[in-house]
Amino acid sequence: MDNNPSVPQAGSVSGMLVPKRMFFTKGVGFHKEYLQSFEMALRDAGIAEYNLVTVSSIFPPNCKRVSKEEGKKLLNPGQVVFCVMARNATSEPNRLIAASIGLAQPANTNNYGYLSEHHPFGETEQKCGEYAEDLAATMLASTLGLEFDPNAAWDEREQLYKGSGQIYKTTNITQSAQGHKDGLWTTVVAAAVLVFD
């Protein structure tokens, strides 16, 4: 074990990286090259200038949702930035693609919530977004011990979740697109970007 006090140790409160803010964004990009279409989607989303590291899907306790503009003021170009990202791509003309991040926030802000990623082919933006939102809400509901029928329709479960008083809010951010008519790569992204103080 490293005894250097300047190196955060496992379990060290001072070494924890817990974001205090989070913003949501989405974008679409087109290019003849797959990688560049992804870059164009990131530019459209306003996050191409960061070194993005994808993480799993926990909405931190006491985290505040902020606008993209407010969140970006706290970031610098080239910075390593953590995010939860959904992405999808196609070079097939007119093929429908989507990418969505769902969010479920607990009523007690001292508890953590859930984010989800969904990236289907052939789903409308609304259907994709509702599915991502449902995924996040179901994960949070199961963590909170809420009893529900997993086979019930989303609308029915949504009312149950929100009526419980334990889930404050569910939402999603979704980007959909049809594959470019000339066969260019089409990429969609949706992201929840974590911001540290």
N, C-alpha and C. Protein backbone atom coordinates (compact mmCIF):
# COMPACT_ATOMS: atom_id res chain seq x y z
N MET A 1 0.84 -1.19 0.00
CA MET A 1 0.00 0.00 0.00
C MET A 1 0.88 1.24 0.00
N ASP A 2 0.52 2.19 -0.81
CA ASP A 2 1.29 3.43 -0.92
C ASP A 2 0.96 4.32 0.29
N ASN A 3 1.96 4.72 1.03
CA ASN A 3 1.76 5.57 2.20
C ASN A 3 1.94 7.04 1.89
N ASN A 4 2.08 7.39 0.64
CA ASN A 4 2.22 8.79 0.25
C ASN A 4 0.91 9.50 0.52
N PRO A 5 0.88 10.49 1.45
CA PRO A 5 -0.39 11.14 1.79
C PRO A 5 -0.99 11.95 0.66
N SER A 6 -0.21 12.27 -0.37
CA SER A 6 -0.74 13.06 -1.47
C SER A 6 -1.51 12.20 -2.47
N VAL A 7 -1.40 10.88 -2.34
CA VAL A 7 -2.11 9.98 -3.24
C VAL A 7 -3.39 9.52 -2.55
N PRO A 8 -4.58 9.81 -3.12
CA PRO A 8 -5.83 9.38 -2.47
C PRO A 8 -5.87 7.86 -2.32
N GLN A 9 -6.22 7.40 -1.13
CA GLN A 9 -6.32 5.97 -0.85
C GLN A 9 -7.77 5.53 -1.07
N ALA A 10 -7.93 4.24 -1.30
CA ALA A 10 -9.28 3.69 -1.45
C ALA A 10 -10.08 4.02 -0.21
N GLY A 11 -11.28 4.52 -0.41
CA GLY A 11 -12.14 4.87 0.72
C GLY A 11 -11.87 6.26 1.27
N SER A 12 -10.87 6.92 0.80
CA SER A 12 -10.55 8.26 1.28
C SER A 12 -11.60 9.25 0.79
N VAL A 13 -12.19 10.00 1.73
CA VAL A 13 -13.20 10.97 1.35
C VAL A 13 -12.62 12.03 0.42
N SER A 14 -11.39 12.46 0.69
CA SER A 14 -10.79 13.52 -0.13
C SER A 14 -10.48 13.02 -1.54
N GLY A 15 -10.40 11.70 -1.73
CA GLY A 15 -10.07 11.16 -3.04
C GLY A 15 -11.28 10.78 -3.88
N MET A 16 -12.48 10.99 -3.33
CA MET A 16 -13.68 10.59 -4.06
C MET A 16 -14.00 11.60 -5.17
N LEU A 17 -14.39 11.07 -6.29
CA LEU A 17 -14.83 11.91 -7.39
C LEU A 17 -16.35 11.79 -7.50
N VAL A 18 -17.05 12.70 -6.85
CA VAL A 18 -18.51 12.69 -6.89
C VAL A 18 -18.97 13.99 -7.55
N PRO A 19 -19.55 13.89 -8.73
CA PRO A 19 -19.98 15.12 -9.40
C PRO A 19 -21.11 15.82 -8.67
N LYS A 20 -21.07 17.14 -8.69
CA LYS A 20 -22.10 17.95 -8.05
C LYS A 20 -23.11 18.49 -9.05
N ARG A 21 -22.74 18.45 -10.33
CA ARG A 21 -23.62 18.95 -11.38
C ARG A 21 -23.60 17.99 -12.56
N MET A 22 -24.67 18.06 -13.36
CA MET A 22 -24.76 17.23 -14.55
C MET A 22 -25.60 17.97 -15.59
N PHE A 23 -25.15 17.90 -16.85
CA PHE A 23 -26.00 18.45 -17.90
C PHE A 23 -26.22 17.42 -18.99
N PHE A 24 -27.28 17.61 -19.74
CA PHE A 24 -27.68 16.66 -20.77
C PHE A 24 -27.58 17.33 -22.14
N THR A 25 -27.20 16.54 -23.12
CA THR A 25 -27.06 17.08 -24.47
C THR A 25 -27.24 15.97 -25.49
N LYS A 26 -27.44 16.36 -26.74
CA LYS A 26 -27.63 15.38 -27.82
C LYS A 26 -27.17 15.99 -29.12
N GLY A 27 -26.90 15.12 -30.11
CA GLY A 27 -26.47 15.63 -31.41
C GLY A 27 -26.51 14.56 -32.48
N VAL A 28 -26.40 15.03 -33.73
CA VAL A 28 -26.38 14.14 -34.89
C VAL A 28 -25.29 14.61 -35.84
N GLY A 29 -24.62 13.67 -36.50
CA GLY A 29 -23.57 14.02 -37.43
C GLY A 29 -23.58 13.14 -38.67
N PHE A 30 -23.13 13.70 -39.78
CA PHE A 30 -23.07 12.98 -41.06
C PHE A 30 -21.68 13.15 -41.66
N HIS A 31 -21.11 12.07 -42.18
CA HIS A 31 -19.82 12.15 -42.86
C HIS A 31 -19.57 10.85 -43.60
N LYS A 32 -18.71 10.88 -44.60
CA LYS A 32 -18.39 9.65 -45.34
C LYS A 32 -17.60 8.67 -44.48
N GLU A 33 -16.92 9.18 -43.44
CA GLU A 33 -16.15 8.33 -42.53
C GLU A 33 -16.93 8.15 -41.23
N TYR A 34 -16.93 6.90 -40.74
CA TYR A 34 -17.65 6.58 -39.50
C TYR A 34 -17.18 7.45 -38.33
N LEU A 35 -15.85 7.49 -38.12
CA LEU A 35 -15.31 8.23 -36.98
C LEU A 35 -15.64 9.72 -37.07
N GLN A 36 -15.56 10.27 -38.26
CA GLN A 36 -15.85 11.69 -38.41
C GLN A 36 -17.33 12.01 -38.24
N SER A 37 -18.19 11.04 -38.56
CA SER A 37 -19.62 11.28 -38.30
C SER A 37 -19.87 11.35 -36.80
N PHE A 38 -19.14 10.53 -36.04
CA PHE A 38 -19.24 10.59 -34.57
C PHE A 38 -18.73 11.94 -34.07
N GLU A 39 -17.61 12.39 -34.61
CA GLU A 39 -17.08 13.71 -34.25
C GLU A 39 -18.10 14.81 -34.55
N MET A 40 -18.75 14.72 -35.70
CA MET A 40 -19.74 15.73 -36.06
C MET A 40 -20.94 15.70 -35.10
N ALA A 41 -21.32 14.50 -34.65
CA ALA A 41 -22.41 14.39 -33.68
C ALA A 41 -22.01 15.01 -32.35
N LEU A 42 -20.74 14.78 -31.94
CA LEU A 42 -20.26 15.39 -30.70
C LEU A 42 -20.20 16.91 -30.82
N ARG A 43 -19.81 17.41 -31.99
CA ARG A 43 -19.81 18.86 -32.21
C ARG A 43 -21.22 19.41 -32.10
N ASP A 44 -22.17 18.71 -32.73
CA ASP A 44 -23.57 19.15 -32.68
C ASP A 44 -24.07 19.17 -31.24
N ALA A 45 -23.60 18.22 -30.44
CA ALA A 45 -23.99 18.15 -29.03
C ALA A 45 -23.22 19.16 -28.17
N GLY A 46 -22.15 19.74 -28.72
CA GLY A 46 -21.38 20.74 -27.99
C GLY A 46 -20.35 20.17 -27.03
N ILE A 47 -19.92 18.90 -27.25
CA ILE A 47 -18.97 18.29 -26.32
C ILE A 47 -17.76 17.67 -27.03
N ALA A 48 -17.50 18.09 -28.26
CA ALA A 48 -16.39 17.51 -29.02
C ALA A 48 -15.02 17.93 -28.50
N GLU A 49 -14.96 19.03 -27.76
CA GLU A 49 -13.66 19.56 -27.34
C GLU A 49 -13.11 18.92 -26.07
N TYR A 50 -13.82 17.92 -25.53
CA TYR A 50 -13.37 17.27 -24.31
C TYR A 50 -12.89 15.84 -24.59
N ASN A 51 -12.05 15.32 -23.71
CA ASN A 51 -11.65 13.91 -23.76
C ASN A 51 -12.67 13.14 -22.93
N LEU A 52 -13.62 12.54 -23.62
CA LEU A 52 -14.76 11.92 -22.95
C LEU A 52 -14.45 10.51 -22.48
N VAL A 53 -14.82 10.24 -21.24
CA VAL A 53 -14.67 8.91 -20.66
C VAL A 53 -16.06 8.46 -20.25
N THR A 54 -16.52 7.36 -20.81
CA THR A 54 -17.87 6.90 -20.47
C THR A 54 -17.84 6.09 -19.17
N VAL A 55 -18.86 6.30 -18.38
CA VAL A 55 -19.01 5.62 -17.10
C VAL A 55 -20.40 4.99 -17.03
N SER A 56 -20.61 4.17 -16.00
CA SER A 56 -21.91 3.55 -15.84
C SER A 56 -22.91 4.56 -15.27
N SER A 57 -24.01 4.09 -14.81
CA SER A 57 -25.22 4.90 -14.85
C SER A 57 -25.83 5.30 -13.52
N ILE A 58 -25.08 5.93 -12.66
CA ILE A 58 -25.62 6.40 -11.38
C ILE A 58 -25.72 7.93 -11.39
N PHE A 59 -26.91 8.41 -11.02
CA PHE A 59 -27.10 9.85 -10.80
C PHE A 59 -26.72 10.11 -9.35
N PRO A 60 -25.63 10.85 -9.09
CA PRO A 60 -25.09 10.96 -7.74
C PRO A 60 -26.05 11.64 -6.76
N PRO A 61 -25.94 11.30 -5.47
CA PRO A 61 -26.72 12.00 -4.44
C PRO A 61 -26.42 13.50 -4.48
N ASN A 62 -27.45 14.29 -4.27
CA ASN A 62 -27.34 15.76 -4.19
C ASN A 62 -26.73 16.38 -5.44
N CYS A 63 -26.85 15.71 -6.56
CA CYS A 63 -26.36 16.25 -7.83
C CYS A 63 -27.42 17.18 -8.41
N LYS A 64 -26.98 18.28 -8.98
CA LYS A 64 -27.90 19.27 -9.53
C LYS A 64 -27.86 19.23 -11.05
N ARG A 65 -29.03 19.14 -11.66
CA ARG A 65 -29.09 19.25 -13.12
C ARG A 65 -28.97 20.71 -13.51
N VAL A 66 -28.08 20.99 -14.46
CA VAL A 66 -27.88 22.36 -14.93
C VAL A 66 -27.99 22.38 -16.45
N SER A 67 -28.09 23.55 -17.00
CA SER A 67 -28.15 23.68 -18.46
C SER A 67 -26.78 23.35 -19.06
N LYS A 68 -26.78 23.01 -20.33
CA LYS A 68 -25.51 22.75 -21.01
C LYS A 68 -24.60 23.97 -20.95
N GLU A 69 -25.16 25.15 -21.12
CA GLU A 69 -24.38 26.38 -21.11
C GLU A 69 -23.72 26.59 -19.74
N GLU A 70 -24.48 26.36 -18.67
CA GLU A 70 -23.94 26.54 -17.32
C GLU A 70 -22.86 25.50 -17.04
N GLY A 71 -23.11 24.25 -17.43
CA GLY A 71 -22.14 23.19 -17.19
C GLY A 71 -20.84 23.39 -17.95
N LYS A 72 -20.94 23.83 -19.20
CA LYS A 72 -19.74 24.02 -20.01
C LYS A 72 -18.84 25.14 -19.50
N LYS A 73 -19.41 26.08 -18.76
CA LYS A 73 -18.59 27.16 -18.17
C LYS A 73 -17.58 26.61 -17.16
N LEU A 74 -17.86 25.43 -16.63
CA LEU A 74 -16.99 24.83 -15.62
C LEU A 74 -15.99 23.84 -16.22
N LEU A 75 -15.99 23.70 -17.56
CA LEU A 75 -15.11 22.76 -18.24
C LEU A 75 -14.15 23.50 -19.16
N ASN A 76 -13.03 22.85 -19.47
CA ASN A 76 -12.02 23.44 -20.36
C ASN A 76 -11.73 22.51 -21.52
N PRO A 77 -11.44 23.04 -22.71
CA PRO A 77 -11.08 22.19 -23.84
C PRO A 77 -9.90 21.28 -23.49
N GLY A 78 -10.00 20.04 -23.89
CA GLY A 78 -8.95 19.07 -23.61
C GLY A 78 -9.10 18.35 -22.28
N GLN A 79 -9.99 18.85 -21.44
CA GLN A 79 -10.19 18.26 -20.11
C GLN A 79 -10.75 16.84 -20.24
N VAL A 80 -10.35 15.95 -19.33
CA VAL A 80 -10.96 14.63 -19.24
C VAL A 80 -12.32 14.82 -18.56
N VAL A 81 -13.36 14.42 -19.26
CA VAL A 81 -14.73 14.64 -18.79
C VAL A 81 -15.47 13.30 -18.79
N PHE A 82 -16.09 12.99 -17.66
CA PHE A 82 -16.85 11.76 -17.54
C PHE A 82 -18.28 11.99 -18.02
N CYS A 83 -18.84 10.98 -18.67
CA CYS A 83 -20.21 11.09 -19.13
C CYS A 83 -20.84 9.71 -19.25
N VAL A 84 -22.16 9.69 -19.23
CA VAL A 84 -22.93 8.50 -19.59
C VAL A 84 -23.40 8.78 -21.01
N MET A 85 -23.06 7.92 -21.95
CA MET A 85 -23.37 8.20 -23.35
C MET A 85 -24.07 7.02 -24.03
N ALA A 86 -25.05 7.36 -24.84
CA ALA A 86 -25.66 6.41 -25.76
C ALA A 86 -25.34 6.89 -27.16
N ARG A 87 -24.97 5.96 -28.06
CA ARG A 87 -24.66 6.35 -29.43
C ARG A 87 -25.08 5.24 -30.38
N ASN A 88 -25.37 5.64 -31.61
CA ASN A 88 -25.76 4.68 -32.63
C ASN A 88 -25.35 5.26 -33.98
N ALA A 89 -25.13 4.38 -34.95
CA ALA A 89 -24.70 4.84 -36.26
C ALA A 89 -25.17 3.88 -37.34
N THR A 90 -25.33 4.43 -38.55
CA THR A 90 -25.66 3.61 -39.71
C THR A 90 -25.13 4.28 -40.97
N SER A 91 -24.84 3.46 -41.98
CA SER A 91 -24.53 4.00 -43.32
C SER A 91 -25.60 3.55 -44.31
N GLU A 92 -26.67 3.01 -43.78
CA GLU A 92 -27.78 2.52 -44.61
C GLU A 92 -28.77 3.65 -44.85
N PRO A 93 -29.00 4.05 -46.11
CA PRO A 93 -29.92 5.16 -46.38
C PRO A 93 -31.29 4.93 -45.75
N ASN A 94 -31.79 5.98 -45.11
CA ASN A 94 -33.13 6.03 -44.53
C ASN A 94 -33.36 5.12 -43.32
N ARG A 95 -32.34 4.41 -42.86
CA ARG A 95 -32.53 3.56 -41.68
C ARG A 95 -32.69 4.44 -40.45
N LEU A 96 -33.72 4.16 -39.66
CA LEU A 96 -34.01 4.97 -38.47
C LEU A 96 -33.14 4.50 -37.31
N ILE A 97 -32.42 5.44 -36.71
CA ILE A 97 -31.59 5.15 -35.53
C ILE A 97 -31.91 6.16 -34.44
N ALA A 98 -31.60 5.79 -33.21
CA ALA A 98 -31.82 6.69 -32.08
C ALA A 98 -30.84 6.37 -30.97
N ALA A 99 -30.63 7.35 -30.10
CA ALA A 99 -29.81 7.19 -28.90
C ALA A 99 -30.47 8.00 -27.80
N SER A 100 -30.59 7.40 -26.61
CA SER A 100 -31.31 8.07 -25.54
C SER A 100 -30.66 7.81 -24.19
N ILE A 101 -30.72 8.81 -23.33
CA ILE A 101 -30.35 8.69 -21.92
C ILE A 101 -31.62 8.92 -21.12
N GLY A 102 -31.97 7.95 -20.28
CA GLY A 102 -33.10 8.09 -19.37
C GLY A 102 -32.60 8.46 -17.99
N LEU A 103 -33.41 9.15 -17.22
CA LEU A 103 -33.03 9.57 -15.86
C LEU A 103 -34.20 9.33 -14.92
N ALA A 104 -33.90 8.77 -13.75
CA ALA A 104 -34.87 8.65 -12.66
C ALA A 104 -34.22 9.20 -11.40
N GLN A 105 -34.81 10.25 -10.84
CA GLN A 105 -34.27 10.91 -9.65
C GLN A 105 -35.12 10.56 -8.43
N PRO A 106 -34.48 10.20 -7.32
CA PRO A 106 -35.25 9.89 -6.11
C PRO A 106 -35.76 11.17 -5.44
N ALA A 107 -36.85 11.05 -4.70
CA ALA A 107 -37.38 12.21 -3.98
C ALA A 107 -36.40 12.66 -2.90
N ASN A 108 -35.74 11.70 -2.26
CA ASN A 108 -34.74 12.02 -1.24
C ASN A 108 -33.42 12.26 -1.96
N THR A 109 -32.98 13.50 -2.01
CA THR A 109 -31.78 13.83 -2.78
C THR A 109 -30.50 13.27 -2.17
N ASN A 110 -30.58 12.75 -0.95
CA ASN A 110 -29.41 12.10 -0.35
C ASN A 110 -29.20 10.70 -0.91
N ASN A 111 -30.19 10.19 -1.63
CA ASN A 111 -30.07 8.89 -2.29
C ASN A 111 -29.62 9.09 -3.73
N TYR A 112 -29.07 8.04 -4.32
CA TYR A 112 -28.68 8.13 -5.72
C TYR A 112 -29.82 7.71 -6.63
N GLY A 113 -29.76 8.20 -7.85
CA GLY A 113 -30.74 7.83 -8.86
C GLY A 113 -30.07 7.01 -9.95
N TYR A 114 -30.79 6.83 -11.06
CA TYR A 114 -30.27 6.01 -12.14
C TYR A 114 -30.37 6.73 -13.48
N LEU A 115 -29.37 6.47 -14.31
CA LEU A 115 -29.37 6.86 -15.71
C LEU A 115 -29.37 5.57 -16.51
N SER A 116 -29.90 5.62 -17.72
CA SER A 116 -29.88 4.45 -18.59
C SER A 116 -29.50 4.89 -19.99
N GLU A 117 -28.95 3.94 -20.76
CA GLU A 117 -28.62 4.22 -22.16
C GLU A 117 -29.41 3.26 -23.03
N HIS A 118 -29.95 3.79 -24.11
CA HIS A 118 -30.69 2.96 -25.07
C HIS A 118 -30.33 3.45 -26.46
N HIS A 119 -30.02 2.54 -27.37
CA HIS A 119 -29.57 2.93 -28.72
C HIS A 119 -30.09 1.92 -29.75
N PRO A 120 -31.36 2.07 -30.13
CA PRO A 120 -32.00 1.09 -31.02
C PRO A 120 -31.98 1.49 -32.49
N PHE A 121 -32.33 0.52 -33.31
CA PHE A 121 -32.64 0.74 -34.73
C PHE A 121 -34.15 0.61 -34.88
N GLY A 122 -34.74 1.46 -35.72
CA GLY A 122 -36.14 1.31 -36.07
C GLY A 122 -37.14 1.83 -35.05
N GLU A 123 -36.69 2.52 -34.01
CA GLU A 123 -37.62 3.09 -33.03
C GLU A 123 -37.72 4.59 -33.22
N THR A 124 -38.92 5.12 -33.05
CA THR A 124 -39.09 6.57 -33.11
C THR A 124 -38.42 7.21 -31.91
N GLU A 125 -38.22 8.51 -32.00
CA GLU A 125 -37.61 9.25 -30.90
C GLU A 125 -38.43 9.10 -29.63
N GLN A 126 -39.75 9.20 -29.75
CA GLN A 126 -40.61 9.09 -28.57
C GLN A 126 -40.52 7.71 -27.94
N LYS A 127 -40.61 6.67 -28.75
CA LYS A 127 -40.55 5.30 -28.22
C LYS A 127 -39.20 5.02 -27.56
N CYS A 128 -38.14 5.45 -28.20
CA CYS A 128 -36.79 5.26 -27.66
C CYS A 128 -36.65 5.98 -26.32
N GLY A 129 -37.10 7.23 -26.27
CA GLY A 129 -37.00 8.02 -25.04
C GLY A 129 -37.80 7.43 -23.90
N GLU A 130 -39.01 6.98 -24.19
CA GLU A 130 -39.84 6.37 -23.15
C GLU A 130 -39.21 5.09 -22.63
N TYR A 131 -38.60 4.32 -23.53
CA TYR A 131 -37.96 3.07 -23.12
C TYR A 131 -36.77 3.35 -22.19
N ALA A 132 -35.95 4.34 -22.55
CA ALA A 132 -34.80 4.70 -21.72
C ALA A 132 -35.25 5.20 -20.35
N GLU A 133 -36.30 6.01 -20.35
CA GLU A 133 -36.85 6.54 -19.10
C GLU A 133 -37.38 5.40 -18.23
N ASP A 134 -38.06 4.46 -18.87
CA ASP A 134 -38.60 3.29 -18.19
C ASP A 134 -37.48 2.46 -17.58
N LEU A 135 -36.38 2.26 -18.32
CA LEU A 135 -35.24 1.49 -17.79
C LEU A 135 -34.70 2.13 -16.51
N ALA A 136 -34.49 3.44 -16.56
CA ALA A 136 -33.93 4.13 -15.39
C ALA A 136 -34.90 4.07 -14.21
N ALA A 137 -36.18 4.29 -14.47
CA ALA A 137 -37.17 4.28 -13.40
C ALA A 137 -37.31 2.89 -12.79
N THR A 138 -37.26 1.87 -13.60
CA THR A 138 -37.38 0.50 -13.09
C THR A 138 -36.19 0.14 -12.21
N MET A 139 -34.99 0.54 -12.62
CA MET A 139 -33.81 0.27 -11.79
C MET A 139 -33.92 0.99 -10.45
N LEU A 140 -34.36 2.25 -10.47
CA LEU A 140 -34.50 2.99 -9.22
C LEU A 140 -35.60 2.38 -8.35
N ALA A 141 -36.72 2.03 -8.96
CA ALA A 141 -37.84 1.46 -8.20
C ALA A 141 -37.42 0.17 -7.50
N SER A 142 -36.66 -0.67 -8.21
CA SER A 142 -36.23 -1.93 -7.60
C SER A 142 -35.26 -1.68 -6.45
N THR A 143 -34.42 -0.65 -6.58
CA THR A 143 -33.48 -0.29 -5.50
C THR A 143 -34.23 0.22 -4.27
N LEU A 144 -35.33 0.96 -4.51
CA LEU A 144 -36.11 1.53 -3.41
C LEU A 144 -37.07 0.52 -2.80
N GLY A 145 -37.17 -0.67 -3.40
CA GLY A 145 -38.06 -1.70 -2.87
C GLY A 145 -39.51 -1.53 -3.26
N LEU A 146 -39.79 -0.75 -4.30
CA LEU A 146 -41.17 -0.59 -4.75
C LEU A 146 -41.62 -1.84 -5.48
N GLU A 147 -42.82 -2.28 -5.17
CA GLU A 147 -43.37 -3.45 -5.84
C GLU A 147 -44.12 -3.00 -7.09
N PHE A 148 -43.86 -3.68 -8.20
CA PHE A 148 -44.50 -3.32 -9.45
C PHE A 148 -44.53 -4.54 -10.36
N ASP A 149 -45.41 -4.47 -11.34
CA ASP A 149 -45.52 -5.54 -12.33
C ASP A 149 -44.63 -5.15 -13.51
N PRO A 150 -43.52 -5.87 -13.73
CA PRO A 150 -42.61 -5.50 -14.83
C PRO A 150 -43.26 -5.63 -16.21
N ASN A 151 -44.38 -6.34 -16.29
CA ASN A 151 -45.06 -6.51 -17.58
C ASN A 151 -46.12 -5.45 -17.83
N ALA A 152 -46.38 -4.61 -16.85
CA ALA A 152 -47.37 -3.54 -17.02
C ALA A 152 -46.82 -2.50 -18.00
N ALA A 153 -47.72 -1.77 -18.62
CA ALA A 153 -47.33 -0.71 -19.56
C ALA A 153 -46.57 0.39 -18.81
N TRP A 154 -45.69 1.09 -19.54
CA TRP A 154 -44.88 2.15 -18.94
C TRP A 154 -45.76 3.20 -18.30
N ASP A 155 -46.84 3.61 -18.94
CA ASP A 155 -47.71 4.65 -18.37
C ASP A 155 -48.24 4.24 -17.00
N GLU A 156 -48.61 2.97 -16.88
CA GLU A 156 -49.14 2.46 -15.61
C GLU A 156 -48.06 2.45 -14.54
N ARG A 157 -46.87 1.96 -14.89
CA ARG A 157 -45.79 1.92 -13.92
C ARG A 157 -45.30 3.32 -13.56
N GLU A 158 -45.30 4.22 -14.54
CA GLU A 158 -44.87 5.59 -14.28
C GLU A 158 -45.75 6.22 -13.20
N GLN A 159 -47.07 6.01 -13.29
CA GLN A 159 -47.98 6.54 -12.28
C GLN A 159 -47.72 5.93 -10.91
N LEU A 160 -47.45 4.62 -10.90
CA LEU A 160 -47.13 3.94 -9.65
C LEU A 160 -45.86 4.50 -9.03
N TYR A 161 -44.82 4.64 -9.85
CA TYR A 161 -43.54 5.14 -9.37
C TYR A 161 -43.69 6.55 -8.77
N LYS A 162 -44.30 7.41 -9.53
CA LYS A 162 -44.43 8.80 -9.08
C LYS A 162 -45.41 8.93 -7.92
N GLY A 163 -46.44 8.07 -7.91
CA GLY A 163 -47.42 8.09 -6.83
C GLY A 163 -46.86 7.56 -5.52
N SER A 164 -45.75 6.85 -5.57
CA SER A 164 -45.14 6.29 -4.36
C SER A 164 -44.55 7.37 -3.47
N GLY A 165 -44.25 8.52 -4.04
CA GLY A 165 -43.60 9.58 -3.29
C GLY A 165 -42.10 9.39 -3.13
N GLN A 166 -41.57 8.27 -3.66
CA GLN A 166 -40.14 8.00 -3.52
C GLN A 166 -39.34 8.37 -4.78
N ILE A 167 -40.03 8.51 -5.91
CA ILE A 167 -39.36 8.90 -7.14
C ILE A 167 -39.84 10.30 -7.50
N TYR A 168 -38.89 11.21 -7.53
CA TYR A 168 -39.22 12.63 -7.76
C TYR A 168 -39.53 12.90 -9.22
N LYS A 169 -38.68 12.39 -10.12
CA LYS A 169 -38.83 12.76 -11.52
C LYS A 169 -38.20 11.72 -12.42
N THR A 170 -38.83 11.50 -13.58
CA THR A 170 -38.21 10.71 -14.64
C THR A 170 -38.25 11.55 -15.91
N THR A 171 -37.21 11.42 -16.71
CA THR A 171 -37.14 12.17 -17.96
C THR A 171 -36.15 11.48 -18.90
N ASN A 172 -36.03 12.01 -20.09
CA ASN A 172 -35.05 11.47 -21.04
C ASN A 172 -34.60 12.56 -21.99
N ILE A 173 -33.46 12.32 -22.61
CA ILE A 173 -33.00 13.14 -23.73
C ILE A 173 -32.66 12.18 -24.86
N THR A 174 -33.22 12.45 -26.02
CA THR A 174 -33.15 11.48 -27.11
C THR A 174 -32.85 12.18 -28.43
N GLN A 175 -31.97 11.56 -29.21
CA GLN A 175 -31.67 12.04 -30.56
C GLN A 175 -31.96 10.91 -31.53
N SER A 176 -32.76 11.21 -32.56
CA SER A 176 -33.01 10.21 -33.60
C SER A 176 -32.67 10.83 -34.95
N ALA A 177 -32.46 9.97 -35.94
CA ALA A 177 -32.18 10.44 -37.30
C ALA A 177 -32.41 9.29 -38.27
N GLN A 178 -32.63 9.65 -39.51
CA GLN A 178 -32.67 8.66 -40.57
C GLN A 178 -31.31 8.64 -41.26
N GLY A 179 -30.87 7.44 -41.64
CA GLY A 179 -29.62 7.33 -42.36
C GLY A 179 -29.61 8.25 -43.57
N HIS A 180 -28.47 8.90 -43.80
CA HIS A 180 -28.34 9.86 -44.91
C HIS A 180 -28.72 9.20 -46.22
N LYS A 181 -29.47 9.92 -47.05
CA LYS A 181 -30.00 9.36 -48.31
C LYS A 181 -28.90 8.92 -49.26
N ASP A 182 -27.69 9.51 -49.15
CA ASP A 182 -26.59 9.15 -50.04
C ASP A 182 -25.64 8.13 -49.44
N GLY A 183 -26.03 7.55 -48.29
CA GLY A 183 -25.22 6.50 -47.68
C GLY A 183 -24.05 7.00 -46.85
N LEU A 184 -24.02 8.30 -46.51
CA LEU A 184 -23.01 8.78 -45.58
C LEU A 184 -23.26 8.16 -44.21
N TRP A 185 -22.21 8.04 -43.42
CA TRP A 185 -22.41 7.59 -42.05
C TRP A 185 -23.23 8.63 -41.30
N THR A 186 -24.22 8.15 -40.58
CA THR A 186 -25.08 8.99 -39.74
C THR A 186 -24.90 8.49 -38.32
N THR A 187 -24.55 9.39 -37.41
CA THR A 187 -24.34 9.03 -36.01
C THR A 187 -25.20 9.91 -35.12
N VAL A 188 -25.82 9.31 -34.12
CA VAL A 188 -26.57 10.05 -33.11
C VAL A 188 -25.96 9.78 -31.75
N VAL A 189 -25.95 10.81 -30.90
CA VAL A 189 -25.45 10.67 -29.54
C VAL A 189 -26.41 11.37 -28.58
N ALA A 190 -26.48 10.83 -27.38
CA ALA A 190 -27.14 11.49 -26.26
C ALA A 190 -26.22 11.28 -25.06
N ALA A 191 -26.07 12.30 -24.23
CA ALA A 191 -25.11 12.19 -23.14
C ALA A 191 -25.55 12.94 -21.90
N ALA A 192 -25.19 12.38 -20.76
CA ALA A 192 -25.30 13.06 -19.47
C ALA A 192 -23.86 13.33 -19.05
N VAL A 193 -23.50 14.60 -18.95
CA VAL A 193 -22.11 14.99 -18.70
C VAL A 193 -21.96 15.38 -17.23
N LEU A 194 -20.98 14.74 -16.56
CA LEU A 194 -20.74 14.95 -15.14
C LEU A 194 -19.75 16.09 -14.94
N VAL A 195 -20.08 16.99 -14.03
CA VAL A 195 -19.25 18.17 -13.78
C VAL A 195 -18.87 18.20 -12.31
N PHE A 196 -17.56 18.36 -12.06
CA PHE A 196 -17.05 18.45 -10.70
C PHE A 196 -16.77 19.90 -10.35
N ASP A 197 -16.90 20.25 -9.07
CA ASP A 197 -16.58 21.63 -8.63
C ASP A 197 -15.07 21.81 -8.60
